[in-house]
Amino acid sequence: MMRREKEYLKECLQKAGIKNEILTTWKALQSKTDSHVGAILREGQTLTRNGSKRHYEDQNGVRCVRIKAYDMDTSFKVVIGEYTEERCEALFLQFLKALGKGLRIEGNYVDIEIGQVEWVEKEDSILKANIACQIPVTFHGGIYQDMTKKAVAIGEIQTGKEATT
């Protein structure tokens, strides 16, 4: 699932106006000599047991149970670097517009949360960009199990006693 979330962030950066290759490692980001830069860096993933259940019927009328086995939070750091503060801010705002509130991955809705954005000047950064912003993005999703319920046949109910006539 981490791959799909990273692809989504890449699409958002491209829609925002990042023209160069989007980098995915700190090492590649450090060696980048251009000021116009976009990067998606993996921060980590947290899994927590959940166990909640939801009952529903599928399109064919079959009764099912969806169990949320784990809550899964996946974190990335998105970096946008640019020559000028105005251009960096414009790319940042376009990225936010493209990002949205959430997305569907494998039929499940995944919520997107943005943390505190850091603005970094050239003197305080490893980047060659004159200004850069670092945006923490967390995807709140889960790992699910779907099970169908067994159908119960309605028939005669028998007790331990036999009926007498």
Protein backbone atom coordinates (compact mmCIF):
# COMPACT_ATOMS: atom_id res chain seq x y z
CA MET A 1 0.00 0.00 0.00
CA MET A 2 2.91 2.35 0.60
CA ARG A 3 3.72 2.24 -3.11
CA ARG A 4 0.26 3.50 -4.14
CA GLU A 5 0.40 6.36 -1.63
CA LYS A 6 3.82 7.40 -2.92
CA GLU A 7 2.53 7.34 -6.51
CA TYR A 8 -0.40 9.52 -5.48
CA LEU A 9 1.94 12.10 -3.91
CA LYS A 10 4.07 12.05 -7.06
CA GLU A 11 0.98 12.77 -9.19
CA CYS A 12 0.08 15.67 -6.88
CA LEU A 13 3.58 17.18 -7.19
CA GLN A 14 3.43 16.90 -10.97
CA LYS A 15 -0.01 18.58 -11.03
CA ALA A 16 1.43 21.33 -8.83
CA GLY A 17 4.09 22.09 -11.43
CA ILE A 18 7.23 20.12 -10.53
CA LYS A 19 8.84 19.49 -13.91
CA ASN A 20 12.01 17.63 -12.89
CA GLU A 21 12.32 14.03 -11.75
CA ILE A 22 10.76 13.58 -8.34
CA LEU A 23 13.36 12.24 -5.94
CA THR A 24 12.69 9.52 -3.36
CA THR A 25 15.82 9.40 -1.16
CA TRP A 26 17.68 11.85 1.08
CA LYS A 27 20.93 10.95 -0.68
CA ALA A 28 19.56 11.88 -4.12
CA LEU A 29 18.10 15.06 -2.66
CA GLN A 30 21.44 16.11 -1.15
CA SER A 31 23.29 15.60 -4.42
CA LYS A 32 20.70 17.51 -6.49
CA THR A 33 22.29 20.67 -7.90
CA ASP A 34 19.11 22.28 -9.26
CA SER A 35 17.03 24.72 -7.19
CA HIS A 36 13.72 23.52 -8.71
CA VAL A 37 13.22 20.25 -6.84
CA GLY A 38 10.47 17.93 -5.64
CA ALA A 39 10.91 14.90 -3.39
CA ILE A 40 8.85 12.28 -1.59
CA LEU A 41 10.66 10.70 1.34
CA ARG A 42 9.35 7.77 3.37
CA GLU A 43 9.13 8.53 7.07
CA GLY A 44 7.61 5.32 8.44
CA GLN A 45 4.53 3.23 9.05
CA THR A 46 2.65 2.48 12.28
CA LEU A 47 0.34 -0.52 12.70
CA THR A 48 -2.08 -0.82 15.61
CA ARG A 49 -4.47 -3.73 16.22
CA ASN A 50 -8.10 -2.74 15.83
CA GLY A 51 -10.58 -5.63 15.50
CA SER A 52 -13.70 -3.53 14.80
CA LYS A 53 -16.43 -5.16 12.70
CA ARG A 54 -18.97 -3.82 10.23
CA HIS A 55 -21.86 -5.83 8.80
CA TYR A 56 -23.04 -5.12 5.25
CA GLU A 57 -24.56 -6.68 2.13
CA ASP A 58 -22.60 -6.81 -1.13
CA GLN A 59 -24.07 -6.11 -4.59
CA ASN A 60 -25.44 -9.67 -4.85
CA GLY A 61 -27.25 -9.46 -1.51
CA VAL A 62 -24.75 -11.69 0.31
CA ARG A 63 -24.35 -10.72 3.95
CA CYS A 64 -20.74 -10.00 4.85
CA VAL A 65 -18.61 -8.87 7.77
CA ARG A 66 -15.64 -6.54 7.31
CA ILE A 67 -13.09 -6.72 10.09
CA LYS A 68 -10.53 -3.95 10.43
CA ALA A 69 -7.58 -5.99 11.61
CA TYR A 70 -5.14 -3.05 11.87
CA ASP A 71 -5.14 0.72 11.76
CA MET A 72 -2.28 1.75 9.48
CA ASP A 73 -0.68 5.20 9.45
CA THR A 74 1.89 5.78 6.70
CA SER A 75 4.03 8.93 6.86
CA PHE A 76 5.94 10.75 4.14
CA LYS A 77 7.82 14.01 3.93
CA VAL A 78 7.20 15.96 0.73
CA VAL A 79 9.87 18.52 -0.19
CA ILE A 80 9.39 21.38 -2.64
CA GLY A 81 12.39 23.57 -3.44
CA GLU A 82 12.54 26.59 -5.70
CA TYR A 83 14.55 29.66 -6.76
CA THR A 84 12.19 32.22 -5.23
CA GLU A 85 9.92 32.32 -2.22
CA GLU A 86 6.93 33.34 -4.38
CA ARG A 87 7.38 30.41 -6.77
CA CYS A 88 7.87 27.93 -3.90
CA GLU A 89 4.72 29.17 -2.18
CA ALA A 90 2.75 28.92 -5.45
CA LEU A 91 3.91 25.30 -5.95
CA PHE A 92 3.04 24.52 -2.33
CA LEU A 93 -0.51 25.89 -2.71
CA GLN A 94 -1.01 23.99 -5.98
CA PHE A 95 0.20 20.81 -4.25
CA LEU A 96 -2.37 21.31 -1.47
CA LYS A 97 -5.15 21.77 -4.05
CA ALA A 98 -4.12 18.58 -5.85
CA LEU A 99 -3.78 16.59 -2.61
CA GLY A 100 -7.40 16.51 -1.49
CA LYS A 101 -8.81 15.05 1.73
CA GLY A 102 -8.34 11.38 0.94
CA LEU A 103 -8.32 8.67 -1.71
CA ARG A 104 -9.49 5.13 -2.34
CA ILE A 105 -6.92 2.35 -2.31
CA GLU A 106 -8.14 -1.17 -3.12
CA GLY A 107 -11.72 -0.08 -2.44
CA ASN A 108 -10.94 1.36 1.01
CA TYR A 109 -11.00 5.07 1.85
CA VAL A 110 -7.70 6.43 3.17
CA ASP A 111 -7.76 9.78 4.97
CA ILE A 112 -4.91 12.27 4.33
CA GLU A 113 -3.56 14.51 7.08
CA ILE A 114 -0.97 17.26 6.73
CA GLY A 115 1.29 18.16 9.65
CA GLN A 116 3.26 21.30 10.44
CA VAL A 117 5.01 22.63 7.34
CA GLU A 118 8.64 23.74 7.68
CA TRP A 119 10.00 26.54 5.50
CA VAL A 120 13.77 26.36 5.14
CA GLU A 121 16.13 29.02 3.74
CA LYS A 122 19.18 28.06 1.67
CA GLU A 123 21.60 28.70 4.57
CA ASP A 124 19.72 26.27 6.84
CA SER A 125 19.30 23.46 4.33
CA ILE A 126 21.21 20.69 2.61
CA LEU A 127 19.43 21.63 -0.61
CA LYS A 128 20.74 23.93 -3.32
CA ALA A 129 17.32 25.61 -3.50
CA ASN A 130 17.05 29.18 -2.23
CA ILE A 131 13.93 28.22 -0.30
CA ALA A 132 12.18 24.92 0.36
CA CYS A 133 9.18 23.66 2.25
CA GLN A 134 8.92 20.28 3.93
CA ILE A 135 5.39 18.96 4.24
CA PRO A 136 4.65 15.98 6.51
CA VAL A 137 1.82 13.92 4.99
CA THR A 138 0.19 11.01 6.81
CA PHE A 139 -2.22 8.51 5.26
CA HIS A 140 -4.67 6.99 7.78
CA GLY A 141 -5.93 3.66 6.49
CA GLY A 142 -6.19 0.08 7.57
CA ILE A 143 -5.81 -3.58 6.77
CA TYR A 144 -9.17 -5.31 6.35
CA GLN A 145 -10.54 -8.85 6.19
CA ASP A 146 -13.85 -9.58 4.50
CA MET A 147 -15.86 -12.66 5.42
CA THR A 148 -19.25 -13.85 4.18
CA LYS A 149 -21.83 -14.89 6.72
CA LYS A 150 -23.22 -18.39 6.48
CA ALA A 151 -26.81 -18.56 5.33
CA VAL A 152 -29.24 -20.05 7.83
CA ALA A 153 -31.88 -22.35 6.36
CA ILE A 154 -35.34 -21.82 7.76
CA GLY A 155 -37.02 -25.14 8.34
CA GLU A 156 -38.79 -27.13 10.99
CA ILE A 157 -37.57 -26.70 14.47
CA GLN A 158 -37.46 -29.92 16.39
CA THR A 159 -37.28 -30.34 20.11
CA GLY A 160 -36.18 -33.29 22.18
CA LYS A 161 -39.79 -34.47 22.62
CA GLU A 162 -41.66 -36.27 19.90
CA ALA A 163 -45.18 -35.18 19.12
CA THR A 164 -47.92 -37.66 20.01
CA THR A 165 -51.30 -37.93 18.39
